[in-house]
Amino acid sequence: MSKVISFRYFRSIGLIVLFLIGIAGAHGAKTYQQSSYELMSSENKAMQDDASLNPAMFWVTDGQVLWDQKVGPKDLACATCHGDIKKSMRGVAAQFPKMVSGKLYTLEGQINACRMNTQKSPAWAYESKELLSLTAAIALQSKGMPITVQKTSENSKFMNQGQQWFNKRMGQLNLSCAQCHEDRAGLKLGGSLIPQGHPNAYPIYRLEWQTLGSVQRRLRNCMSGVRAEQFNYGSPEMAQLELFLMWRAKGLPMESPGVRP
């Protein structure tokens, strides 16, 4: 009788172990940080890696022109204050969103703040060619550098709110970001692998869009996909969610400007 009990006991333990291994296998993509670059075809990877093939570089070129362009009543350019973009902007995009004078800014928000407060010029609209171009030119200077966003006493309340947005079910489909990009990362949806949802390549040229777009555009696409009310471009909610996403991707190398299907 004791032998039977022993056999059944160890058989049960074995089944539990196999079950846990199965779970680990199904969710293996969560055990390490993975850029969605790793899920792309070799052709798309080559397009991102080769500056002569990456269509986003057209926006970067325009952004470099804007960097040196003098505007406003004081005739100021970005270069007037910051000098050479390759030196002064190195590593900057890997730090955003960040707190500036007690306010949370995304990189696009900081660019517009400089335009309005220093250059005394109108803010650029989100997803405009100008804002995307200058953002891409600045982001390029952090290419290959690790994301360095940290949780601090100053940004913690915004970080926590961003995490809540990430885990909040929304829309008619009642889905959260986490349900796709954590619970089901690495599995397939409609024949395509679900990425972990890291923002390390933005702005990106998306083949589906046939243009460059920001991470906020992608987030709004997701919200539309679950039939939820979209956060407004440049809203506090967008900044909070972007802050959490960049912190979640901490350590991944910047790929901006990226290419995605």
Protein backbone atom coordinates (compact mmCIF):
# COMPACT_ATOMS: atom_id res chain seq x y z
CA MET A 1 0.00 0.00 0.00
CA SER A 2 2.81 2.40 0.89
CA LYS A 3 4.49 1.66 -2.46
CA VAL A 4 1.26 2.56 -4.29
CA ILE A 5 0.94 5.79 -2.32
CA SER A 6 4.60 6.60 -2.98
CA PHE A 7 4.23 5.95 -6.71
CA ARG A 8 1.09 8.08 -6.93
CA TYR A 9 2.80 10.84 -4.94
CA PHE A 10 5.85 11.00 -7.19
CA ARG A 11 3.68 10.62 -10.28
CA SER A 12 1.66 13.66 -9.16
CA ILE A 13 4.82 15.66 -8.50
CA GLY A 14 6.08 14.71 -11.94
CA LEU A 15 2.89 15.89 -13.59
CA ILE A 16 3.10 19.18 -11.73
CA VAL A 17 6.70 19.66 -12.88
CA LEU A 18 5.75 18.89 -16.47
CA PHE A 19 2.85 21.32 -16.19
CA LEU A 20 5.14 24.07 -14.92
CA ILE A 21 7.66 23.37 -17.66
CA GLY A 22 4.86 23.64 -20.16
CA ILE A 23 3.85 27.02 -18.77
CA ALA A 24 7.44 28.22 -18.90
CA GLY A 25 7.71 27.07 -22.50
CA ALA A 26 4.49 28.75 -23.52
CA HIS A 27 5.57 32.01 -21.92
CA GLY A 28 9.29 31.76 -22.56
CA ALA A 29 9.29 35.14 -24.29
CA LYS A 30 8.68 36.76 -20.90
CA THR A 31 11.84 35.39 -19.31
CA TYR A 32 14.05 37.96 -21.04
CA GLN A 33 13.65 41.32 -22.74
CA GLN A 34 13.17 40.97 -26.45
CA SER A 35 12.96 43.77 -28.98
CA SER A 36 10.38 43.16 -31.68
CA TYR A 37 13.33 43.53 -34.08
CA GLU A 38 14.10 39.88 -33.26
CA LEU A 39 10.70 38.83 -34.61
CA MET A 40 11.15 40.49 -38.00
CA SER A 41 12.16 38.90 -41.28
CA SER A 42 15.78 39.16 -42.39
CA GLU A 43 14.67 41.57 -45.14
CA ASN A 44 13.06 43.96 -42.68
CA LYS A 45 16.04 43.74 -40.34
CA ALA A 46 18.32 44.65 -43.23
CA MET A 47 16.09 47.62 -44.04
CA GLN A 48 16.40 48.95 -40.51
CA ASP A 49 20.14 48.29 -40.21
CA ASP A 50 21.22 49.88 -43.51
CA ALA A 51 20.85 53.67 -43.49
CA SER A 52 20.68 53.66 -47.29
CA LEU A 53 17.64 51.33 -47.15
CA ASN A 54 15.88 52.66 -44.04
CA PRO A 55 13.11 55.00 -45.27
CA ALA A 56 13.05 56.75 -41.88
CA MET A 57 16.36 58.38 -42.76
CA PHE A 58 14.52 60.83 -45.02
CA TRP A 59 12.88 62.23 -41.88
CA VAL A 60 16.21 62.24 -40.06
CA THR A 61 17.74 64.35 -42.83
CA ASP A 62 14.87 66.83 -42.57
CA GLY A 63 15.29 66.86 -38.79
CA GLN A 64 18.95 67.73 -39.06
CA VAL A 65 18.00 70.71 -41.24
CA LEU A 66 15.42 71.81 -38.67
CA TRP A 67 18.06 71.56 -35.93
CA ASP A 68 20.08 74.31 -37.62
CA GLN A 69 17.09 76.39 -38.75
CA LYS A 70 16.73 79.76 -36.99
CA VAL A 71 13.16 80.67 -36.05
CA GLY A 72 11.18 83.06 -33.90
CA PRO A 73 11.66 86.73 -33.01
CA LYS A 74 15.09 86.04 -31.51
CA ASP A 75 16.23 84.09 -34.58
CA LEU A 76 17.24 81.02 -32.55
CA ALA A 77 17.98 77.50 -33.75
CA CYS A 78 18.25 74.35 -31.64
CA ALA A 79 21.95 74.48 -32.44
CA THR A 80 22.18 77.99 -30.97
CA CYS A 81 21.73 76.58 -27.47
CA HIS A 82 22.72 72.93 -27.87
CA GLY A 83 25.47 73.01 -30.50
CA ASP A 84 26.30 69.90 -32.52
CA ILE A 85 23.36 67.47 -32.41
CA LYS A 86 25.71 64.47 -32.51
CA LYS A 87 27.41 65.58 -29.29
CA SER A 88 24.74 67.34 -27.24
CA MET A 89 21.93 64.88 -27.97
CA ARG A 90 23.94 61.70 -27.47
CA GLY A 91 21.99 59.46 -25.08
CA VAL A 92 19.21 62.00 -24.56
CA ALA A 93 16.35 60.02 -26.13
CA ALA A 94 17.23 57.02 -23.94
CA GLN A 95 16.31 59.12 -20.86
CA PHE A 96 12.81 60.22 -21.91
CA PRO A 97 10.11 60.59 -20.69
CA LYS A 98 11.71 62.50 -17.83
CA MET A 99 10.90 65.10 -15.20
CA VAL A 100 11.81 68.68 -16.09
CA SER A 101 11.03 71.42 -13.57
CA GLY A 102 8.51 69.19 -11.83
CA LYS A 103 6.64 68.22 -15.01
CA LEU A 104 6.74 64.97 -16.95
CA TYR A 105 7.87 65.44 -20.55
CA THR A 106 8.10 63.05 -23.46
CA LEU A 107 10.81 63.84 -26.00
CA GLU A 108 8.21 65.37 -28.33
CA GLY A 109 6.82 67.39 -25.44
CA GLN A 110 10.29 68.71 -24.59
CA ILE A 111 10.89 69.72 -28.22
CA ASN A 112 7.64 71.69 -28.28
CA ALA A 113 8.40 73.25 -24.90
CA CYS A 114 11.72 74.53 -26.28
CA ARG A 115 9.96 75.89 -29.37
CA MET A 116 7.36 77.76 -27.35
CA ASN A 117 9.40 78.92 -24.35
CA THR A 118 12.81 79.59 -25.91
CA GLN A 119 12.28 80.09 -29.63
CA LYS A 120 8.90 81.79 -29.08
CA SER A 121 7.42 79.78 -31.94
CA PRO A 122 4.21 77.75 -32.20
CA ALA A 123 4.28 74.12 -31.09
CA TRP A 124 4.30 71.52 -33.82
CA ALA A 125 1.29 69.22 -34.10
CA TYR A 126 1.79 65.61 -33.03
CA GLU A 127 2.54 63.33 -36.01
CA SER A 128 3.47 66.37 -38.11
CA LYS A 129 6.42 65.94 -40.43
CA GLU A 130 8.41 68.54 -38.51
CA LEU A 131 7.96 67.03 -35.05
CA LEU A 132 8.59 63.49 -36.25
CA SER A 133 11.67 64.59 -38.20
CA LEU A 134 13.36 66.43 -35.34
CA THR A 135 12.43 63.66 -32.88
CA ALA A 136 13.96 61.06 -35.22
CA ALA A 137 17.13 63.10 -35.69
CA ILE A 138 17.57 63.43 -31.92
CA ALA A 139 16.68 59.78 -31.26
CA LEU A 140 19.27 58.63 -33.80
CA GLN A 141 22.00 60.02 -31.55
CA SER A 142 21.11 57.37 -28.93
CA LYS A 143 21.10 54.44 -31.36
CA GLY A 144 22.70 51.38 -29.75
CA MET A 145 22.70 52.93 -26.27
CA PRO A 146 20.68 51.31 -23.45
CA ILE A 147 17.44 52.84 -22.20
CA THR A 148 18.24 54.46 -18.85
CA VAL A 149 14.82 55.52 -17.53
CA GLN A 150 14.71 55.02 -13.75
CA LYS A 151 11.94 55.10 -11.18
CA THR A 152 12.55 57.96 -8.78
CA SER A 153 10.75 59.70 -5.94
CA GLU A 154 9.97 62.52 -8.37
CA ASN A 155 8.42 60.44 -11.16
CA SER A 156 7.02 57.53 -9.13
CA LYS A 157 3.41 58.71 -9.10
CA PHE A 158 3.46 59.08 -12.88
CA MET A 159 5.21 55.73 -13.27
CA ASN A 160 2.61 54.04 -11.07
CA GLN A 161 -0.22 55.61 -13.07
CA GLY A 162 1.41 54.43 -16.30
CA GLN A 163 1.62 50.92 -14.89
CA GLN A 164 -2.06 51.08 -14.03
CA TRP A 165 -2.90 52.07 -17.60
CA PHE A 166 -0.77 49.17 -18.86
CA ASN A 167 -2.71 46.68 -16.74
CA LYS A 168 -6.16 48.24 -17.07
CA ARG A 169 -8.71 46.39 -19.19
CA MET A 170 -10.37 48.75 -21.62
CA GLY A 171 -12.70 48.97 -24.57
CA GLN A 172 -15.47 46.70 -25.80
CA LEU A 173 -13.00 43.79 -25.99
CA ASN A 174 -12.08 44.32 -22.32
CA LEU A 175 -8.35 43.80 -22.89
CA SER A 176 -5.26 45.36 -21.34
CA CYS A 177 -1.79 45.99 -22.76
CA ALA A 178 -0.42 43.38 -20.35
CA GLN A 179 -2.75 40.62 -21.55
CA CYS A 180 -1.21 40.77 -25.03
CA HIS A 181 2.35 41.95 -24.44
CA GLU A 182 3.11 40.03 -21.24
CA ASP A 183 0.69 37.12 -20.85
CA ARG A 184 0.71 36.21 -24.56
CA ALA A 185 4.06 37.60 -25.72
CA GLY A 186 5.71 35.11 -28.06
CA LEU A 187 2.42 33.47 -29.05
CA LYS A 188 0.66 34.12 -32.35
CA LEU A 189 -2.21 36.40 -33.23
CA GLY A 190 -3.51 36.19 -36.77
CA GLY A 191 -0.38 34.37 -37.87
CA SER A 192 2.00 36.99 -36.43
CA LEU A 193 4.07 36.65 -33.26
CA ILE A 194 2.97 38.94 -30.43
CA PRO A 195 5.87 41.18 -29.35
CA GLN A 196 6.64 42.26 -25.79
CA GLY A 197 5.64 45.80 -26.73
CA HIS A 198 8.86 47.70 -26.04
CA PRO A 199 9.16 51.27 -27.43
CA ASN A 200 12.92 51.22 -28.07
CA ALA A 201 12.72 51.81 -31.84
CA TYR A 202 10.44 54.85 -32.02
CA PRO A 203 9.87 56.86 -34.07
CA ILE A 204 9.42 53.97 -36.51
CA TYR A 205 8.74 53.65 -40.20
CA ARG A 206 5.93 51.13 -40.30
CA LEU A 207 5.36 49.40 -43.63
CA GLU A 208 1.64 49.22 -42.83
CA TRP A 209 1.55 53.01 -42.44
CA GLN A 210 3.96 53.78 -45.29
CA THR A 211 5.27 56.65 -43.16
CA LEU A 212 7.04 57.48 -39.91
CA GLY A 213 5.04 57.40 -36.68
CA SER A 214 5.45 57.92 -32.95
CA VAL A 215 4.88 55.49 -30.10
CA GLN A 216 1.76 57.48 -29.27
CA ARG A 217 0.33 56.70 -32.69
CA ARG A 218 0.97 53.01 -32.05
CA LEU A 219 -0.67 53.17 -28.64
CA ARG A 220 -3.72 54.84 -30.15
CA ASN A 221 -3.85 52.07 -32.77
CA CYS A 222 -3.93 49.48 -29.99
CA MET A 223 -6.69 51.34 -28.17
CA SER A 224 -8.69 51.51 -31.37
CA GLY A 225 -8.11 47.78 -31.88
CA VAL A 226 -9.74 46.92 -28.55
CA ARG A 227 -12.49 49.45 -29.32
CA ALA A 228 -11.54 51.78 -26.50
CA GLU A 229 -11.57 55.56 -26.30
CA GLN A 230 -8.12 56.72 -27.36
CA PHE A 231 -5.90 58.92 -25.21
CA ASN A 232 -5.22 62.27 -26.85
CA TYR A 233 -1.82 62.97 -28.38
CA GLY A 234 0.36 64.77 -25.86
CA SER A 235 -1.98 64.00 -22.96
CA PRO A 236 -0.76 63.27 -19.42
CA GLU A 237 -2.09 59.73 -19.80
CA MET A 238 0.09 59.16 -22.87
CA ALA A 239 3.17 60.51 -21.08
CA GLN A 240 2.50 58.30 -18.06
CA LEU A 241 2.06 55.16 -20.15
CA GLU A 242 5.13 55.95 -22.25
CA LEU A 243 7.17 56.50 -19.06
CA PHE A 244 6.22 53.07 -17.73
CA LEU A 245 6.90 51.41 -21.09
CA MET A 246 10.38 52.93 -21.32
CA TRP A 247 11.15 51.91 -17.74
CA ARG A 248 9.87 48.41 -18.53
CA ALA A 249 12.29 48.32 -21.49
CA LYS A 250 15.21 49.62 -19.40
CA GLY A 251 18.52 48.22 -20.63
CA LEU A 252 17.35 47.44 -24.17
CA PRO A 253 19.37 49.23 -26.83
CA MET A 254 17.76 52.11 -28.67
CA GLU A 255 17.07 51.32 -32.33
CA SER A 256 15.56 54.63 -33.41
CA PRO A 257 14.52 55.21 -36.07
CA GLY A 258 13.26 51.65 -36.48
CA VAL A 259 11.43 49.76 -39.19
CA ARG A 260 8.48 47.50 -38.49
CA PRO A 261 6.00 45.56 -40.69
